[in-house]
Protein backbone atom coordinates (compact mmCIF):
# COMPACT_ATOMS: atom_id res chain seq x y z
CA MET A 1 34.19 179.42 -138.58
CA LEU A 2 35.32 177.59 -135.46
CA ILE A 3 33.24 174.96 -133.74
CA GLY A 4 33.08 174.07 -130.08
CA THR A 5 34.39 176.17 -127.25
CA ALA A 6 37.98 177.16 -126.69
CA ASN A 7 39.59 175.52 -123.68
CA GLU A 8 43.15 175.57 -122.46
CA GLY A 9 45.35 173.77 -124.97
CA ARG A 10 44.43 172.95 -128.57
CA TYR A 11 41.30 170.96 -129.24
CA VAL A 12 40.37 169.70 -132.64
CA LEU A 13 37.21 171.75 -132.58
CA ASP A 14 39.31 174.88 -132.15
CA TYR A 15 40.29 174.42 -135.81
CA PRO A 16 38.12 175.47 -138.75
CA ILE A 17 35.22 173.11 -139.42
CA ALA A 18 36.50 172.42 -142.95
CA GLN A 19 39.79 171.16 -141.54
CA TRP A 20 37.94 168.92 -139.05
CA ALA A 21 35.75 167.53 -141.85
CA PHE A 22 38.83 166.90 -144.01
CA VAL A 23 40.53 164.97 -141.20
CA CYS A 24 37.41 162.83 -140.77
CA VAL A 25 37.12 162.14 -144.51
CA VAL A 26 40.79 161.11 -144.65
CA ALA A 27 40.18 158.84 -141.66
CA GLY A 28 37.12 157.39 -143.41
CA ALA A 29 39.16 156.71 -146.56
CA VAL A 30 41.86 154.89 -144.60
CA VAL A 31 39.33 152.90 -142.58
CA GLY A 32 37.42 152.05 -145.77
CA LEU A 33 40.61 150.63 -147.25
CA LEU A 34 41.29 148.65 -144.07
CA LEU A 35 37.77 147.23 -144.22
CA ASN A 36 38.72 145.40 -147.39
CA ILE A 37 40.45 142.85 -145.16
CA PRO A 38 37.39 141.68 -143.19
CA MET A 39 35.17 142.01 -146.26
CA VAL A 40 37.21 139.55 -148.32
CA THR A 41 37.75 137.13 -145.43
CA GLN A 42 34.05 136.73 -144.56
CA ASP A 43 31.87 134.08 -146.15
CA GLN A 44 29.77 136.51 -148.17
CA GLY A 45 32.72 138.66 -149.23
CA TYR A 46 31.63 141.86 -150.93
CA LEU A 47 28.00 140.75 -151.21
CA PRO A 48 26.75 143.48 -148.83
CA ALA A 49 28.45 146.07 -151.03
CA HIS A 50 26.78 144.49 -154.07
CA VAL A 51 23.39 144.88 -152.35
CA ALA A 52 24.14 148.52 -151.54
CA ALA A 53 25.24 149.16 -155.12
CA ALA A 54 22.09 147.42 -156.35
CA GLY A 55 20.11 150.04 -154.48
CA LEU A 56 21.89 152.81 -156.34
CA THR A 57 21.65 151.18 -159.77
CA ARG A 58 18.25 149.50 -159.33
CA ALA A 59 19.80 146.25 -160.57
CA ASP A 60 19.92 142.81 -159.01
CA PRO A 61 22.93 142.41 -156.68
CA ALA A 62 24.20 139.53 -158.85
CA ALA A 63 24.34 141.89 -161.83
CA VAL A 64 26.38 144.57 -160.04
CA SER A 65 30.01 144.65 -161.09
CA ARG A 66 32.74 144.21 -158.50
CA PRO A 67 34.33 147.62 -159.28
CA LEU A 68 30.99 149.33 -158.64
CA ALA A 69 30.50 147.40 -155.39
CA VAL A 70 33.99 148.38 -154.23
CA ALA A 71 33.34 152.03 -155.18
CA VAL A 72 30.07 152.03 -153.21
CA HIS A 73 31.83 150.41 -150.25
CA HIS A 74 34.53 153.10 -150.19
CA GLY A 75 32.07 155.90 -150.94
CA THR A 76 29.96 154.79 -147.99
CA ALA A 77 33.02 155.00 -145.73
CA LEU A 78 33.69 158.57 -146.88
CA VAL A 79 30.08 159.68 -146.44
CA ALA A 80 29.83 157.99 -143.02
CA ALA A 81 33.03 159.72 -141.87
CA LEU A 82 31.69 163.06 -143.06
CA LEU A 83 28.43 162.43 -141.19
CA TYR A 84 30.47 161.54 -138.11
CA SER A 85 32.31 164.87 -138.36
CA ALA A 86 29.00 166.74 -138.52
CA VAL A 87 27.55 164.80 -135.58
CA VAL A 88 30.61 165.44 -133.41
CA ALA A 89 30.63 169.11 -134.35
CA GLY A 90 26.95 169.47 -133.51
CA LEU A 91 27.16 167.50 -130.28
CA SER A 92 30.11 169.59 -129.16
CA PHE A 93 27.70 172.49 -128.68
CA VAL A 94 25.41 170.54 -126.33
CA LEU A 95 27.55 167.87 -124.66
CA PRO A 96 30.54 168.36 -122.36
CA THR A 97 33.84 168.78 -124.19
CA ALA A 98 36.20 169.11 -121.21
CA VAL A 99 37.55 165.57 -121.54
CA SER A 100 39.28 164.89 -124.83
CA LEU A 101 41.21 162.17 -126.59
CA ASN A 102 44.11 163.87 -128.39
CA GLY A 103 41.95 166.97 -128.69
CA VAL A 104 38.79 165.17 -129.84
CA PRO A 105 35.99 165.78 -127.31
CA LEU A 106 35.43 162.33 -125.79
CA ILE A 107 31.68 162.29 -125.16
CA PRO A 108 30.68 163.68 -128.59
CA HIS A 109 33.24 161.31 -130.15
CA ILE A 110 31.77 158.22 -128.49
CA VAL A 111 28.18 159.24 -129.18
CA GLY A 112 29.07 160.12 -132.77
CA ILE A 113 30.81 156.79 -133.42
CA ALA A 114 27.97 154.79 -131.85
CA GLY A 115 25.35 156.77 -133.74
CA ILE A 116 27.01 156.52 -137.14
CA SER A 117 27.74 152.79 -136.71
CA ALA A 118 24.12 152.15 -135.72
CA PHE A 119 22.88 154.26 -138.63
CA ILE A 120 25.02 152.36 -141.14
CA TYR A 121 23.73 149.04 -139.84
CA TYR A 122 20.10 150.17 -139.63
CA PHE A 123 20.12 151.72 -143.10
CA PHE A 124 21.44 148.51 -144.64
CA ALA A 125 19.37 146.05 -142.60
CA ARG A 126 16.07 147.90 -142.78
CA ILE A 127 16.24 149.76 -146.09
CA ALA A 128 18.88 148.48 -148.52
CA MET A 129 18.56 144.72 -147.96
CA PRO A 130 14.75 144.47 -147.92
CA ARG A 131 14.34 146.72 -150.96
CA PHE A 132 17.34 145.78 -153.09
CA GLY A 133 18.34 142.28 -151.94
CA GLY A 134 16.92 140.70 -155.10
CA SER A 135 18.41 137.28 -155.78
CA VAL A 136 20.37 137.22 -152.51
CA ARG A 137 17.37 137.62 -150.18
CA ALA A 138 17.63 133.94 -149.29
CA ASP A 139 20.93 134.72 -147.57
CA ALA A 140 19.64 137.95 -146.00
CA ASP A 141 20.27 136.94 -142.37
CA GLU A 142 23.90 136.03 -143.01
CA ILE A 143 24.50 139.13 -145.15
CA ILE A 144 22.95 141.39 -142.49
CA ARG A 145 25.13 139.77 -139.79
CA GLN A 146 28.17 140.44 -141.96
CA TRP A 147 27.04 144.02 -142.47
CA ALA A 148 26.65 144.42 -138.68
CA LEU A 149 30.19 143.16 -138.16
CA THR A 150 31.50 145.48 -140.86
CA ALA A 151 29.67 148.48 -139.34
CA PHE A 152 31.12 147.61 -135.92
CA ILE A 153 34.64 147.31 -137.32
CA PHE A 154 34.20 150.59 -139.21
CA GLY A 155 33.08 152.40 -136.06
CA THR A 156 35.82 150.94 -133.93
CA ALA A 157 38.55 151.71 -136.46
CA LEU A 158 37.26 155.25 -137.00
CA ALA A 159 37.08 155.77 -133.22
CA LEU A 160 40.73 154.81 -132.93
CA PHE A 161 42.05 156.46 -136.08
CA VAL A 162 40.49 159.94 -135.82
CA PRO A 163 42.27 160.81 -132.54
CA VAL A 164 45.55 159.58 -134.03
CA LEU A 165 45.09 161.53 -137.23
CA VAL A 166 44.25 164.81 -135.49
CA THR A 167 47.68 164.83 -133.86
CA TRP A 168 49.01 165.85 -137.28
CA LEU A 169 46.89 169.03 -137.40
């Protein structure tokens, strides 16, 4: 099944949807690995990932192991990239696709990146942290600011990397 409309030249949405989703998941994996750099350089380190993992395990963030926190961090990047691929595919049916960035329809791409980044931040700030913050709730404001920065970096890196990666299709 192809998504989007065929235009002159090759557009990423002229490829099968599974191939588009795969490209986005690969991009999410790479960006998730790159996010290790800002995560370890910030004051709270992997604490946001510990809070997210606490939500999955129903444990206190202090009791979550580092390997589990890292796995949740990278799993979140993969899921977010897959959601991005679905959003872009869906928006390509209703938004203009004439302008593209290396074959990625520009308007759906921008809206998709902004939407997924906002969703990641909102989900953590309004659901994960209030419900599963446990012993780290005293530092909630700082942790949420760090999560906002991480979500912004994720979105920006994904926005740049997806158009580069699709050139290899």
